[in-house]
Structures are given as C-alpha cells and as structure tokens.
Protein backbone atom coordinates (compact mmCIF):
# COMPACT_ATOMS: atom_id res chain seq x y z
CA MET A 1 -15.71 3.52 -9.94
CA THR A 2 -12.71 1.28 -9.29
CA LYS A 3 -9.50 3.23 -9.17
CA LEU A 4 -6.64 2.79 -11.99
CA LYS A 5 -4.11 -0.03 -11.20
CA ARG A 6 -0.60 1.47 -10.87
CA ASP A 7 2.49 -0.67 -11.88
CA VAL A 8 4.78 -1.96 -9.23
CA ARG A 9 7.64 -0.25 -10.72
CA ALA A 10 6.25 3.11 -10.77
CA CYS A 11 4.83 2.54 -7.37
CA ALA A 12 8.32 1.94 -6.17
CA GLN A 13 9.32 5.07 -7.76
CA ARG A 14 6.52 6.90 -5.91
CA LEU A 15 7.69 5.41 -2.73
CA ARG A 16 11.32 6.71 -3.45
CA MET A 17 10.13 10.39 -3.95
CA SER A 18 7.68 10.43 -1.10
CA LYS A 19 8.30 12.43 1.99
CA ILE A 20 6.81 9.71 4.14
CA SER A 21 9.08 7.28 5.20
CA THR A 22 6.64 4.50 6.24
CA TRP A 23 4.47 2.75 3.93
CA VAL A 24 2.56 -0.48 4.64
CA LEU A 25 1.08 -2.63 1.88
CA VAL A 26 -2.01 -4.37 2.45
CA GLU A 27 -4.68 -6.97 1.32
CA GLY A 28 -7.71 -5.74 2.57
CA VAL A 29 -8.72 -1.76 2.99
CA LYS A 30 -11.45 -2.11 5.25
CA HIS A 31 -9.47 -3.97 7.81
CA ASN A 32 -6.17 -4.58 7.50
CA ALA A 33 -5.10 -0.63 6.82
CA PRO A 34 -6.85 0.66 10.10
CA PHE A 35 -5.16 -1.98 11.93
CA TYR A 36 -1.61 -1.55 10.81
CA GLU A 37 -2.12 2.35 10.65
CA GLY A 38 -3.04 2.05 14.45
CA VAL A 39 -0.32 -0.57 15.46
CA LEU A 40 2.32 1.45 13.65
CA ILE A 41 0.81 4.88 14.49
CA ASP A 42 -0.26 4.44 18.09
CA GLY A 43 1.91 1.54 19.26
CA GLY A 44 4.96 2.32 17.17
CA GLY A 45 5.11 6.23 17.66
CA LEU A 46 5.27 7.16 14.40
CA SER A 47 3.40 10.49 12.95
CA GLN A 48 2.39 9.34 9.77
CA VAL A 49 2.07 6.13 7.71
CA GLU A 50 0.62 5.89 4.13
CA THR A 51 -1.19 2.63 3.01
CA ILE A 52 -1.34 0.77 -0.63
CA GLN A 53 -3.43 -1.68 -1.23
CA ALA A 54 -2.14 -4.75 -3.08
CA SER A 55 -4.87 -4.68 -5.31
CA ALA A 56 -4.15 -1.32 -6.55
CA LEU A 57 -0.85 -2.58 -8.24
CA THR A 58 -0.06 -4.75 -11.14
CA ILE A 59 3.03 -6.75 -12.09
CA ASP A 60 3.39 -6.87 -16.01
CA GLY A 61 -0.40 -5.61 -16.33
CA LYS A 62 -1.63 -8.22 -14.26
CA SER A 63 -3.10 -7.65 -10.94
CA GLY A 64 -3.84 -10.43 -8.23
CA GLY A 65 -6.82 -8.48 -7.03
CA GLY A 66 -6.04 -8.51 -3.34
CA LYS A 67 -3.63 -10.92 -3.32
CA LEU A 68 -0.13 -10.30 -4.15
CA MET A 69 1.61 -12.14 -7.13
CA ARG A 70 4.71 -13.93 -7.91
C-alpha cells in the first residue's frame, strides 16, 4: 500500500502549524532519512527532526517519484 501524495502547499501549511522546528526533505527513505536525522540530532545537537520524502509530495497533481520537480 502506498501513502497518499500530499500537495506541496498543504505540506507547507502543516510545517507552519507544527511544533517541530526542524524538517528535512529527503529523496530516499532507506538511506537519506537516517543519515540526515543522525547528522542533525547527533552532530547538530537537535532534540527532534522530522523527515518528509520528496516522493510523497505533489505539485499541481504531479509527483516526480523520489526526485523534486520544477
């Protein structure tokens, strides 16, 4: 089962309303998300980081898979 895609504008609204202050947009979930979470939490001393997969976002109803589109 695949996750529902979220419009980038709705995602931006979610980020603005969130109590979490650090968000990371990643291309791949298997390697990128754990890597950047480790860098920011262990290396940067942040207490909480939330990741968003690029493939979960759409712009005007289109998704670039794991790549961001222009």
